[in-house]
Amino acid sequence: IFPGTNWCGSGNDAKNFDDLGEFNKTDQCCREHDYCPNWIPPFERKFDFFNFSPFTLLDCKCETRLFNCLWGVDDEQAAIFVGRMYFNYI
């Protein structure tokens, strides 16, 4: 989990749905992404697709929403870092 967030990273550290970290705008983006309804676990088949990746694959619409949400956070450096890590390295 990225420092200052409860939802950005593998899993979450939130006590409940409304529990956001210090970087709450960034955290809101990650929380929405975590609740994407269409996803494929690592090395499993779903929706007639096999995920060969060690990471969960999410619906492209959810990925686009995360990108746009993080891009729209203008006062938290955490959004830039989380976005770069997720979209450039994972």
C-alpha atoms as a PDB file:
ATOM      1  CA  ILE A   1       0.000   0.000   0.000  1.00  0.00           C
ATOM      2  CA  PHE A   2       1.373   3.396  -1.001  1.00  0.00           C
ATOM      3  CA  PRO A   3       2.172   5.555   2.072  1.00  0.00           C
ATOM      4  CA  GLY A   4      -0.597   8.031   2.874  1.00  0.00           C
ATOM      5  CA  THR A   5      -3.251   5.885   1.181  1.00  0.00           C
ATOM      6  CA  ASN A   6      -5.395   2.948   2.256  1.00  0.00           C
ATOM      7  CA  TRP A   7      -6.445   1.725  -1.196  1.00  0.00           C
ATOM      8  CA  CYS A   8      -3.454   2.225  -3.533  1.00  0.00           C
ATOM      9  CA  GLY A   9      -1.525  -1.016  -3.828  1.00  0.00           C
ATOM     10  CA  SER A  10      -2.105  -4.703  -3.505  1.00  0.00           C
ATOM     11  CA  GLY A  11      -5.276  -5.133  -1.436  1.00  0.00           C
ATOM     12  CA  ASN A  12      -6.173  -2.362   0.988  1.00  0.00           C
ATOM     13  CA  ASP A  13      -5.611  -1.256   4.582  1.00  0.00           C
ATOM     14  CA  ALA A  14      -8.992   0.459   4.965  1.00  0.00           C
ATOM     15  CA  LYS A  15     -11.132  -0.224   8.031  1.00  0.00           C
ATOM     16  CA  ASN A  16     -14.258   0.321   5.911  1.00  0.00           C
ATOM     17  CA  PHE A  17     -15.335   1.690   2.524  1.00  0.00           C
ATOM     18  CA  ASP A  18     -15.146   5.320   3.699  1.00  0.00           C
ATOM     19  CA  ASP A  19     -11.693   4.997   5.291  1.00  0.00           C
ATOM     20  CA  LEU A  20      -9.404   7.107   3.114  1.00  0.00           C
ATOM     21  CA  GLY A  21      -5.783   7.989   3.757  1.00  0.00           C
ATOM     22  CA  GLU A  22      -4.014  11.335   3.943  1.00  0.00           C
ATOM     23  CA  PHE A  23      -3.983  11.559   0.121  1.00  0.00           C
ATOM     24  CA  ASN A  24      -7.743  11.166  -0.001  1.00  0.00           C
ATOM     25  CA  LYS A  25      -8.296  12.194  -3.632  1.00  0.00           C
ATOM     26  CA  THR A  26      -5.703   9.701  -4.834  1.00  0.00           C
ATOM     27  CA  ASP A  27      -7.176   7.106  -2.497  1.00  0.00           C
ATOM     28  CA  GLN A  28     -10.672   7.659  -3.925  1.00  0.00           C
ATOM     29  CA  CYS A  29      -9.340   6.840  -7.398  1.00  0.00           C
ATOM     30  CA  CYS A  30      -7.709   3.643  -6.162  1.00  0.00           C
ATOM     31  CA  ARG A  31     -10.804   2.618  -4.216  1.00  0.00           C
ATOM     32  CA  GLU A  32     -13.012   2.978  -7.288  1.00  0.00           C
ATOM     33  CA  HIS A  33     -10.483   0.907  -9.246  1.00  0.00           C
ATOM     34  CA  ASP A  34     -10.501  -1.809  -6.568  1.00  0.00           C
ATOM     35  CA  TYR A  35     -14.256  -2.171  -7.043  1.00  0.00           C
ATOM     36  CA  CYS A  36     -14.049  -2.772 -10.797  1.00  0.00           C
ATOM     37  CA  PRO A  37     -16.708  -5.423 -11.502  1.00  0.00           C
ATOM     38  CA  ASN A  38     -14.878  -7.168 -14.359  1.00  0.00           C
ATOM     39  CA  TRP A  39     -11.461  -8.618 -13.610  1.00  0.00           C
ATOM     40  CA  ILE A  40      -9.385 -11.733 -14.221  1.00  0.00           C
ATOM     41  CA  PRO A  41      -7.148 -13.122 -11.450  1.00  0.00           C
ATOM     42  CA  PRO A  42      -3.506 -13.950 -12.254  1.00  0.00           C
ATOM     43  CA  PHE A  43      -3.034 -17.187 -14.212  1.00  0.00           C
ATOM     44  CA  GLU A  44      -6.781 -17.860 -14.427  1.00  0.00           C
ATOM     45  CA  ARG A  45      -9.407 -17.983 -17.173  1.00  0.00           C
ATOM     46  CA  LYS A  46     -12.503 -15.792 -17.158  1.00  0.00           C
ATOM     47  CA  PHE A  47     -14.678 -14.272 -19.903  1.00  0.00           C
ATOM     48  CA  ASP A  48     -13.018 -16.677 -22.390  1.00  0.00           C
ATOM     49  CA  PHE A  49      -9.613 -15.047 -21.758  1.00  0.00           C
ATOM     50  CA  PHE A  50      -6.602 -16.452 -19.906  1.00  0.00           C
ATOM     51  CA  ASN A  51      -4.528 -14.057 -17.801  1.00  0.00           C
ATOM     52  CA  PHE A  52      -0.878 -15.048 -18.232  1.00  0.00           C
ATOM     53  CA  SER A  53       0.229 -12.159 -16.014  1.00  0.00           C
ATOM     54  CA  PRO A  54       1.140 -12.375 -12.296  1.00  0.00           C
ATOM     55  CA  PHE A  55      -1.139  -9.338 -11.836  1.00  0.00           C
ATOM     56  CA  THR A  56      -4.924  -9.073 -11.937  1.00  0.00           C
ATOM     57  CA  LEU A  57      -6.270  -7.808 -15.266  1.00  0.00           C
ATOM     58  CA  LEU A  58      -9.140  -5.334 -15.140  1.00  0.00           C
ATOM     59  CA  ASP A  59     -11.711  -4.182 -17.658  1.00  0.00           C
ATOM     60  CA  CYS A  60     -10.246  -1.476 -19.917  1.00  0.00           C
ATOM     61  CA  LYS A  61     -13.024   0.902 -18.834  1.00  0.00           C
ATOM     62  CA  CYS A  62     -11.862   0.601 -15.220  1.00  0.00           C
ATOM     63  CA  GLU A  63      -8.245   1.210 -16.233  1.00  0.00           C
ATOM     64  CA  THR A  64      -9.272   4.297 -18.202  1.00  0.00           C
ATOM     65  CA  ARG A  65     -11.300   5.612 -15.249  1.00  0.00           C
ATOM     66  CA  LEU A  66      -8.293   5.153 -12.935  1.00  0.00           C
ATOM     67  CA  PHE A  67      -6.000   6.963 -15.361  1.00  0.00           C
ATOM     68  CA  ASN A  68      -8.418   9.876 -15.785  1.00  0.00           C
ATOM     69  CA  CYS A  69      -9.159  10.064 -12.064  1.00  0.00           C
ATOM     70  CA  LEU A  70      -5.469  10.188 -11.098  1.00  0.00           C
ATOM     71  CA  TRP A  71      -4.782  12.674 -13.907  1.00  0.00           C
ATOM     72  CA  GLY A  72      -7.515  14.917 -12.492  1.00  0.00           C
ATOM     73  CA  VAL A  73      -5.987  15.082  -9.001  1.00  0.00           C
ATOM     74  CA  ASP A  74      -4.096  18.367  -9.168  1.00  0.00           C
ATOM     75  CA  ASP A  75      -2.880  18.900  -5.622  1.00  0.00           C
ATOM     76  CA  GLU A  76      -1.423  15.535  -4.565  1.00  0.00           C
ATOM     77  CA  GLN A  77       1.983  14.315  -5.777  1.00  0.00           C
ATOM     78  CA  ALA A  78       0.846  10.856  -4.687  1.00  0.00           C
ATOM     79  CA  ALA A  79      -1.494  10.690  -7.701  1.00  0.00           C
ATOM     80  CA  ILE A  80       1.414  11.219 -10.100  1.00  0.00           C
ATOM     81  CA  PHE A  81       3.563   8.604  -8.376  1.00  0.00           C
ATOM     82  CA  VAL A  82       0.774   6.006  -8.128  1.00  0.00           C
ATOM     83  CA  GLY A  83      -0.189   6.576 -11.766  1.00  0.00           C
ATOM     84  CA  ARG A  84       3.375   6.244 -13.019  1.00  0.00           C
ATOM     85  CA  MET A  85       4.023   3.119 -10.980  1.00  0.00           C
ATOM     86  CA  TYR A  86       0.786   1.437 -12.025  1.00  0.00           C
ATOM     87  CA  PHE A  87       0.701   2.339 -15.702  1.00  0.00           C
ATOM     88  CA  ASN A  88       4.452   2.324 -16.461  1.00  0.00           C
ATOM     89  CA  TYR A  89       5.891  -0.446 -14.302  1.00  0.00           C
ATOM     90  CA  ILE A  90       3.198  -2.939 -13.308  1.00  0.00           C
END
